[in-house]
Protein backbone atom coordinates (compact mmCIF):
# COMPACT_ATOMS: atom_id res chain seq x y z
CA MET A 1 80.35 99.45 51.93
CA LYS A 2 81.62 100.79 55.19
CA LYS A 3 84.15 98.86 57.20
CA LYS A 4 83.49 98.28 60.87
CA GLU A 5 86.12 99.49 63.25
CA SER A 6 88.39 96.59 64.09
CA MET A 7 89.26 98.09 67.45
CA GLU A 8 86.18 98.54 69.58
CA LYS A 9 86.43 100.42 72.85
CA ALA A 10 86.43 98.22 75.93
CA LYS A 11 83.46 98.48 78.22
CA ALA A 12 83.98 99.03 81.94
CA GLU A 13 82.73 95.50 82.65
CA ASP A 14 85.27 93.98 80.26
CA VAL A 15 88.35 95.60 81.78
CA LYS A 16 90.08 93.50 84.44
CA ILE A 17 92.69 94.81 86.89
CA CYS A 18 95.27 92.48 88.41
CA SER A 19 94.99 92.34 92.21
CA LEU A 20 98.75 91.92 92.66
CA CYS A 21 100.36 94.38 90.26
CA GLY A 22 97.42 96.74 89.65
CA GLN A 23 97.87 96.74 85.87
CA MET A 24 95.14 96.27 83.31
CA ILE A 25 94.95 92.64 82.18
CA ILE A 26 95.13 92.09 78.45
CA GLY A 27 94.42 88.56 77.28
CA ASP A 28 94.19 85.57 79.60
CA TYR A 29 93.57 85.96 83.31
CA GLU A 30 92.75 83.85 86.35
CA MET A 31 89.72 84.56 88.50
CA VAL A 32 89.40 83.73 92.20
CA ARG A 33 86.20 84.06 94.21
CA THR A 34 86.76 84.35 97.95
CA ARG A 35 84.55 83.15 100.79
CA ARG A 36 83.11 86.64 101.06
CA ARG A 37 82.13 86.49 97.37
CA THR A 38 84.80 88.98 96.35
CA THR A 39 86.06 88.40 92.83
CA MET A 40 89.79 88.86 92.28
CA TYR A 41 91.62 88.76 88.96
CA PHE A 42 95.26 87.84 88.38
CA CYS A 43 97.56 87.75 85.37
CA LYS A 44 97.62 84.28 83.77
CA GLY A 45 100.19 82.12 85.54
CA MET A 46 100.71 85.00 88.00
CA GLN A 47 103.56 86.35 85.87
CA CYS A 48 103.50 89.64 87.77
CA ARG A 49 104.13 87.76 91.03
CA LYS A 50 107.23 86.12 89.57
CA GLU A 51 108.51 89.52 88.43
CA HIS A 52 107.75 91.02 91.84
CA ASP A 53 109.71 88.26 93.62
CA ARG A 54 112.74 88.87 91.40
CA GLU A 55 112.86 92.54 92.38
CA LYS A 56 113.20 91.75 96.09
């Protein structure tokens, strides 16, 4: 029997980019749809925003 690869490559539709920090989101994320029907993704709990505020 052949084993299936446990790590499958992510499809382009599955990859989410955080609108604040610009990094690829791994795991949980928050989605916001604007009035203009633009979909924005953020790190869960906006952790990147908290880190960004500390730097300033």
